Protein backbone atom coordinates (compact mmCIF):
# COMPACT_ATOMS: atom_id res chain seq x y z
CA MET A 1 109.99 25.01 31.36
CA THR A 2 110.15 28.68 29.45
CA GLU A 3 107.31 31.23 31.66
CA VAL A 4 105.98 33.15 29.11
CA LEU A 5 105.63 36.82 29.82
CA SER A 6 101.90 38.40 29.11
CA GLN A 7 101.21 41.75 26.50
CA ASP A 8 101.32 44.02 29.83
CA GLU A 9 104.71 42.77 31.53
CA ILE A 10 106.04 43.11 27.68
CA ASP A 11 104.41 46.82 27.37
CA GLN A 12 106.11 47.23 31.39
CA LEU A 13 109.59 46.17 30.36
CA LEU A 14 109.96 48.62 27.19
CA THR A 15 108.94 51.27 29.39
CA ALA A 16 111.41 50.84 32.23
CA ILE A 17 113.73 50.39 29.38
CA ASN A 18 112.89 53.59 27.51
CA ALA A 19 112.95 55.52 30.81
CA GLY A 20 116.17 54.36 31.97
CA ASP A 21 115.28 52.74 35.17
CA THR A 22 117.05 49.14 33.76
CA GLU A 23 119.75 48.42 32.09
CA PRO A 24 120.35 46.00 29.83
CA GLY A 25 123.02 44.90 32.34
CA ASP A 26 121.16 44.27 34.93
CA PHE A 27 119.79 41.07 32.63
CA THR A 28 121.90 37.24 33.40
CA PRO A 29 121.07 34.07 31.17
CA ALA A 30 120.48 31.38 32.32
CA ALA A 31 123.03 28.91 32.97
CA ASP A 32 123.73 26.36 30.39
CA THR A 33 122.62 22.99 32.74
CA ARG A 34 123.07 20.58 29.87
CA LYS A 35 126.11 17.93 30.73
CA ILE A 36 129.22 17.76 28.00
CA LYS A 37 131.33 14.92 27.31
CA ILE A 38 134.42 15.18 25.66
CA TYR A 39 134.44 12.31 22.98
CA ASP A 40 138.27 11.11 21.25
CA PHE A 41 138.05 10.66 17.98
CA LYS A 42 140.89 8.17 18.41
CA ARG A 43 139.14 5.74 20.68
CA PRO A 44 135.65 5.70 20.02
CA ASP A 45 133.94 3.86 22.86
CA LYS A 46 132.14 0.47 20.56
CA PHE A 47 130.90 -1.59 23.43
CA SER A 48 127.57 -0.22 25.58
CA LYS A 49 127.96 -0.37 28.50
CA GLU A 50 125.52 -3.23 29.15
CA GLN A 51 127.93 -5.49 26.41
CA ILE A 52 130.94 -3.84 28.61
CA ARG A 53 128.34 -6.20 31.29
CA THR A 54 127.24 -9.39 29.94
CA VAL A 55 131.08 -9.67 28.74
CA GLN A 56 132.45 -9.30 32.56
CA ILE A 57 129.27 -12.29 32.99
CA MET A 58 130.59 -14.99 31.06
CA HIS A 59 133.96 -14.14 31.48
CA GLU A 60 133.66 -14.40 35.40
CA THR A 61 132.05 -18.37 34.96
CA PHE A 62 134.88 -18.35 32.66
CA ALA A 63 136.91 -17.80 36.43
CA ARG A 64 135.26 -19.75 38.54
CA LEU A 65 135.45 -22.75 35.71
CA THR A 66 139.76 -22.17 35.23
CA THR A 67 140.20 -21.85 39.44
CA THR A 68 138.70 -25.56 39.71
CA SER A 69 140.84 -27.08 36.37
CA LEU A 70 143.52 -25.75 37.61
CA SER A 71 143.20 -26.22 40.97
CA ALA A 72 143.22 -29.89 40.66
CA LEU A 73 145.67 -29.84 38.23
CA LEU A 74 148.12 -28.54 39.91
CA ARG A 75 146.56 -30.02 43.79
CA SER A 76 147.72 -25.80 44.40
CA MET A 77 145.22 -23.53 45.67
CA ILE A 78 144.74 -21.57 42.99
CA HIS A 79 142.01 -18.32 42.75
CA VAL A 80 141.33 -16.30 39.49
CA HIS A 81 138.22 -14.02 39.39
CA VAL A 82 137.61 -10.98 37.06
CA ALA A 83 139.41 -7.63 37.88
CA SER A 84 137.85 -4.77 35.03
CA VAL A 85 136.75 -4.77 31.70
CA ASP A 86 137.55 -2.10 29.06
CA GLN A 87 137.77 -1.37 25.78
CA LEU A 88 141.10 0.63 24.19
CA THR A 89 142.98 0.67 21.73
CA TYR A 90 145.64 -2.52 20.62
CA GLU A 91 148.65 -0.41 21.18
CA GLU A 92 148.01 0.81 23.79
CA PHE A 93 147.09 -3.44 25.55
CA ILE A 94 150.27 -4.35 23.36
CA ARG A 95 152.47 -1.73 25.47
CA SER A 96 150.95 -2.13 28.95
CA ILE A 97 153.06 -6.02 29.32
CA PRO A 98 155.62 -6.70 30.19
CA THR A 99 158.40 -8.66 27.77
CA PRO A 100 158.58 -10.93 27.86
CA THR A 101 155.40 -12.75 29.06
CA THR A 102 153.32 -15.51 27.14
CA LEU A 103 150.57 -14.48 24.63
CA ALA A 104 149.67 -16.95 23.22
CA ILE A 105 147.48 -16.52 19.79
CA ILE A 106 143.68 -18.07 19.92
CA ASN A 107 141.81 -18.26 16.75
CA MET A 108 137.81 -17.62 17.38
CA ASP A 109 136.75 -20.17 15.28
CA PRO A 110 134.00 -19.19 14.00
CA LEU A 111 134.32 -16.05 14.54
CA LYS A 112 136.26 -14.43 11.79
CA GLY A 113 140.30 -13.30 13.42
CA ASN A 114 141.98 -13.69 16.17
CA ALA A 115 142.34 -13.04 20.30
CA ILE A 116 145.23 -13.24 22.65
CA LEU A 117 145.47 -15.33 26.01
CA GLU A 118 148.37 -13.29 28.08
CA VAL A 119 149.53 -14.44 31.09
CA ASP A 120 151.89 -12.89 33.44
CA PRO A 121 155.62 -14.20 33.50
CA ALA A 122 154.86 -14.71 37.50
CA ILE A 123 151.34 -16.53 36.38
CA THR A 124 153.34 -19.67 34.15
CA PHE A 125 156.28 -19.55 36.41
CA SER A 126 155.10 -20.76 39.00
CA ILE A 127 152.63 -23.62 37.13
CA ILE A 128 155.71 -24.27 35.60
CA ASP A 129 157.04 -25.36 38.38
CA ARG A 130 154.30 -26.63 40.22
CA LEU A 131 154.04 -28.71 37.43
CA PHE A 132 158.19 -29.78 37.34
CA GLY A 133 157.80 -31.13 41.63
CA GLY A 134 158.53 -27.87 43.02
CA VAL A 135 156.58 -25.73 45.40
CA GLY A 136 154.83 -22.84 42.60
CA GLU A 137 157.65 -20.45 43.05
CA GLY A 138 156.93 -18.19 40.91
CA THR A 139 161.02 -16.40 39.08
CA LYS A 140 163.04 -13.22 39.57
CA SER A 141 164.31 -12.91 36.45
CA PRO A 142 162.08 -13.69 33.79
CA HIS A 143 163.57 -15.64 30.25
CA GLU A 144 161.82 -16.79 26.99
CA LEU A 145 160.38 -20.61 27.62
CA THR A 146 162.25 -22.84 26.36
CA ASP A 147 160.76 -25.93 24.87
CA ILE A 148 160.20 -28.12 27.41
CA GLU A 149 158.53 -25.15 29.44
CA GLN A 150 156.69 -24.34 25.43
CA SER A 151 154.97 -27.64 25.72
CA VAL A 152 154.08 -28.08 29.55
CA MET A 153 152.16 -24.09 28.90
CA GLU A 154 150.39 -24.62 25.70
CA GLY A 155 148.71 -27.90 27.95
CA ILE A 156 147.80 -25.21 30.67
CA ILE A 157 146.12 -22.50 28.04
CA VAL A 158 143.94 -25.67 25.94
CA ARG A 159 142.86 -26.74 29.32
CA ILE A 160 141.87 -23.26 30.27
CA LEU A 161 140.73 -23.03 26.40
CA GLY A 162 137.85 -25.35 26.95
CA ASN A 163 136.54 -23.60 30.06
CA MET A 164 136.49 -21.23 27.81
CA ARG A 165 134.16 -22.16 25.35
CA GLU A 166 131.83 -23.40 28.29
CA ALA A 167 131.91 -19.94 29.17
CA TRP A 168 130.52 -18.19 25.56
CA THR A 169 128.15 -21.28 25.20
CA THR A 170 124.92 -19.28 26.55
CA VAL A 171 125.87 -16.80 23.14
CA ILE A 172 127.79 -18.96 20.32
CA ASP A 173 128.83 -22.51 20.35
CA LEU A 174 132.46 -20.96 19.82
CA ARG A 175 135.84 -23.66 19.48
CA PRO A 176 138.51 -21.97 20.65
CA ARG A 177 142.37 -22.99 18.54
CA LEU A 178 145.45 -22.29 20.21
CA GLY A 179 147.91 -21.24 17.02
CA GLN A 180 150.72 -20.42 18.54
CA ILE A 181 152.83 -18.91 22.01
CA ASP A 182 155.25 -15.27 21.18
CA THR A 183 157.21 -14.27 24.07
CA ASN A 184 157.50 -11.19 22.32
CA PRO A 185 154.23 -8.34 22.13
CA GLN A 186 155.45 -6.56 19.05
CA PHE A 187 155.23 -9.86 17.29
CA ALA A 188 152.37 -10.54 17.65
CA GLN A 189 149.96 -7.99 16.20
CA ILE A 190 146.55 -9.28 14.98
CA VAL A 191 145.19 -5.92 13.93
CA PRO A 192 145.88 -2.65 13.65
CA PRO A 193 147.17 -0.81 16.12
CA THR A 194 144.02 2.05 16.15
CA GLU A 195 141.82 -0.47 16.15
CA MET A 196 139.27 -1.48 19.58
CA VAL A 197 139.72 -3.94 21.51
CA VAL A 198 137.69 -5.68 25.00
CA LEU A 199 140.35 -6.46 27.17
CA VAL A 200 139.11 -8.92 30.55
CA THR A 201 142.29 -8.72 32.27
CA LEU A 202 141.43 -11.70 35.54
CA GLU A 203 143.47 -11.57 38.80
CA THR A 204 145.25 -14.61 39.24
CA LYS A 205 146.94 -16.00 42.27
CA VAL A 206 148.61 -19.21 42.24
CA GLY A 207 149.64 -20.20 46.07
CA ASP A 208 151.37 -17.59 47.09
CA VAL A 209 152.13 -16.06 43.41
CA GLU A 210 149.81 -13.11 42.87
CA GLY A 211 149.83 -12.07 38.77
CA MET A 212 146.87 -10.95 36.05
CA MET A 213 145.81 -13.57 32.65
CA ASN A 214 144.60 -10.60 29.93
CA PHE A 215 142.01 -11.89 27.43
CA CYS A 216 142.29 -9.50 24.36
CA ILE A 217 139.52 -9.52 22.27
CA PRO A 218 139.59 -7.09 19.03
CA TYR A 219 136.23 -5.59 17.70
CA LEU A 220 136.07 -6.53 15.15
CA THR A 221 136.11 -10.12 15.81
CA ILE A 222 133.00 -9.80 17.43
CA GLU A 223 131.16 -7.85 16.15
CA PRO A 224 129.33 -10.23 14.60
CA ILE A 225 128.03 -10.72 17.58
CA ILE A 226 127.79 -7.66 19.40
CA SER A 227 123.73 -8.01 19.38
CA LYS A 228 123.82 -11.26 21.09
CA LEU A 229 125.82 -9.31 24.61
CA SER A 230 123.07 -8.06 25.53
CA ALA A 231 121.10 -8.36 29.02
CA GLN A 232 117.38 -9.07 27.00
CA PHE A 233 119.58 -11.69 25.14
CA TRP A 234 121.42 -12.89 27.93
CA TYR A 235 118.93 -13.56 30.26
CA SER A 236 116.14 -14.45 27.81
CA SER A 237 119.27 -17.21 26.78
CA VAL A 238 119.37 -18.81 30.99
CA ARG A 239 115.38 -19.11 31.11
CA ARG A 240 115.28 -20.11 27.56
CA GLY A 241 117.21 -23.27 28.71
CA ALA A 242 118.80 -26.33 26.76
CA THR A 243 119.08 -24.72 23.15
CA THR A 244 120.10 -27.19 20.07
CA GLU A 245 123.95 -25.72 20.34
CA ASN A 246 123.89 -26.37 24.33
CA LEU A 247 122.40 -29.60 23.71
CA ASN A 248 124.88 -30.77 20.71
CA VAL A 249 127.42 -29.23 23.68
CA LEU A 250 126.49 -31.31 26.19
CA LYS A 251 126.37 -34.36 24.02
CA GLU A 252 129.94 -33.92 22.77
CA LYS A 253 131.09 -34.29 26.98
CA LEU A 254 129.07 -37.16 27.59
CA ALA A 255 130.22 -39.20 24.89
CA THR A 256 133.42 -39.01 26.61
CA VAL A 257 132.27 -39.56 29.96
CA ASP A 258 133.39 -43.16 31.37
CA VAL A 259 130.73 -45.79 32.96
CA ASP A 260 131.01 -48.82 34.24
CA VAL A 261 129.45 -52.02 32.28
CA VAL A 262 129.27 -55.46 34.84
CA ALA A 263 127.55 -58.10 33.23
CA GLU A 264 125.84 -60.05 36.44
CA ILE A 265 125.62 -63.73 36.65
CA GLY A 266 123.91 -64.18 40.04
CA LYS A 267 123.74 -62.83 43.80
CA ILE A 268 123.62 -64.20 47.01
CA ASP A 269 123.35 -63.05 50.86
CA VAL A 270 126.77 -64.11 52.74
CA PRO A 271 128.13 -63.06 55.95
CA ILE A 272 130.95 -60.57 56.26
CA LYS A 273 131.98 -64.17 58.29
CA ASP A 274 131.25 -66.13 55.38
CA VAL A 275 133.32 -63.59 52.94
CA LEU A 276 136.07 -63.68 55.07
CA ALA A 277 136.85 -66.52 54.99
CA LEU A 278 136.61 -66.65 50.81
CA GLN A 279 139.54 -68.44 49.58
CA VAL A 280 140.84 -70.24 46.24
CA GLY A 281 138.98 -73.55 44.74
CA ASP A 282 136.04 -72.67 47.00
CA VAL A 283 132.01 -72.08 45.00
CA ILE A 284 129.26 -70.19 45.79
CA ARG A 285 126.52 -71.25 44.87
CA LEU A 286 123.44 -68.59 43.59
CA TYR A 287 119.86 -68.31 43.77
CA ASN A 288 117.66 -68.52 40.93
CA THR A 289 120.13 -68.72 38.35
CA ARG A 290 120.66 -71.69 36.31
CA THR A 291 122.34 -72.86 33.44
CA GLY A 292 121.17 -71.36 30.68
CA ASP A 293 119.50 -67.99 31.58
CA PRO A 294 120.64 -64.98 30.09
CA TYR A 295 122.61 -62.51 32.13
CA SER A 296 122.15 -58.60 32.97
CA VAL A 297 124.61 -56.10 31.59
CA ASN A 298 123.95 -53.45 33.90
CA ILE A 299 124.91 -49.54 33.08
CA GLY A 300 125.66 -48.06 36.13
CA ARG A 301 123.30 -49.66 38.77
CA ARG A 302 120.46 -49.83 35.99
CA LYS A 303 119.37 -52.95 33.79
CA LYS A 304 120.38 -52.30 30.12
CA PHE A 305 120.55 -55.82 28.43
CA LEU A 306 119.96 -59.13 28.48
CA CYS A 307 123.93 -61.39 27.30
CA ARG A 308 125.13 -64.96 27.61
CA PRO A 309 128.50 -65.77 27.73
CA GLY A 310 131.25 -67.00 25.82
CA ILE A 311 134.92 -66.36 24.75
CA ILE A 312 136.64 -64.89 22.07
CA GLY A 313 140.07 -65.41 21.86
CA ARG A 314 141.84 -65.91 25.25
CA LYS A 315 139.80 -64.00 26.53
CA MET A 316 135.83 -63.98 28.26
CA ALA A 317 133.05 -62.11 27.34
CA VAL A 318 129.48 -61.08 26.96
CA GLN A 319 126.71 -61.13 23.69
CA ILE A 320 123.32 -58.77 23.62
CA THR A 321 121.23 -60.25 23.48
CA LYS A 322 118.52 -57.66 23.65
CA LYS A 323 117.80 -54.68 25.13
CA LEU A 324 115.48 -54.02 28.27
CA ALA A 325 112.50 -51.45 27.91
CA ASP A 326 111.69 -50.55 31.46
CA PHE A 327 108.45 -52.83 31.92
CA ASP A 328 111.34 -55.73 30.75
CA GLN A 329 113.55 -54.17 33.27
CA ASP A 330 110.81 -53.94 36.32
CA GLU A 331 109.55 -57.89 35.03
CA PHE A 332 112.77 -58.82 35.41
CA GLU A 333 112.66 -57.24 38.54
CA GLU A 334 110.42 -59.57 39.40
CA LEU A 335 112.38 -62.72 38.26
CA THR A 336 115.09 -61.96 41.34
CA GLU A 337 113.08 -59.92 43.96
CA GLY A 338 113.85 -60.47 47.27
CA GLU A 339 117.83 -60.82 46.34
CA ASP A 340 120.29 -58.34 47.72
CA SER A 341 123.70 -57.62 45.89
CA LEU A 342 126.51 -59.35 48.07
């Protein structure tokens, strides 16, 4: 806080100066304590630290999902984790990656524009070698992908994009699609060279082979949802739980899940020695099951429908006759009480 001089102190100071007791050089200006930050107008920072942190959290989830999916596919130890998240110009990104490499042009629907997923040649050829029956060794002399190798990598990248969609669910219902695969970075001009991008660098290890995967997202593409890349929005979305977008994604994923559907004729208790002695032509008499009684259709372990048997062509079939509500299930279980599964 600046100190204010009284009138007496001002008078004494003027008197001292007139008498020559004090030289003007004795006064030193106060040091400037302001911190000055150099700003480069050629590289304007368009992402705040909070937004960069949110992008990192999203892709840490993406890295975990990719680790799990690739480990299951390649039957090998795969490790993917986020090494860094930076903002730089597109030209700097293009100059930083080798030639040839694997560059996947990604359509970021419903966002406008494209992004790039770059896979290090060592990782690319290690994955290909593993899928072709090898031990997963990388190549010492990277080359452009053949048609077969490119087809294999397309399948891998499509699988990776599925993980990306799930990692972005909290922010947007992203539907990334693979456009094309290039090997020369100079041919992948998705934005002007001076345009700012956010670069997510993922350290990847396939067996003993280590390399990088880079995910480059232009600012023009991510700009419509930039307000959602805040800690407040992120954590509020997590607390809200299931949203309409989340439910739609869950329904879509559950629609492809296989479950066991069993038409159960009846039950009976049989000692294990009798089971081992069963032969072709033996007859098993079921308890409390009469001709004409409806069968139950079980979804997983729950009884969901009643049915009757029949034949379609040369195949046995059942026809659904009734849907069981909760009280119907209790009633059905009372009718079959005391029976245990084989």
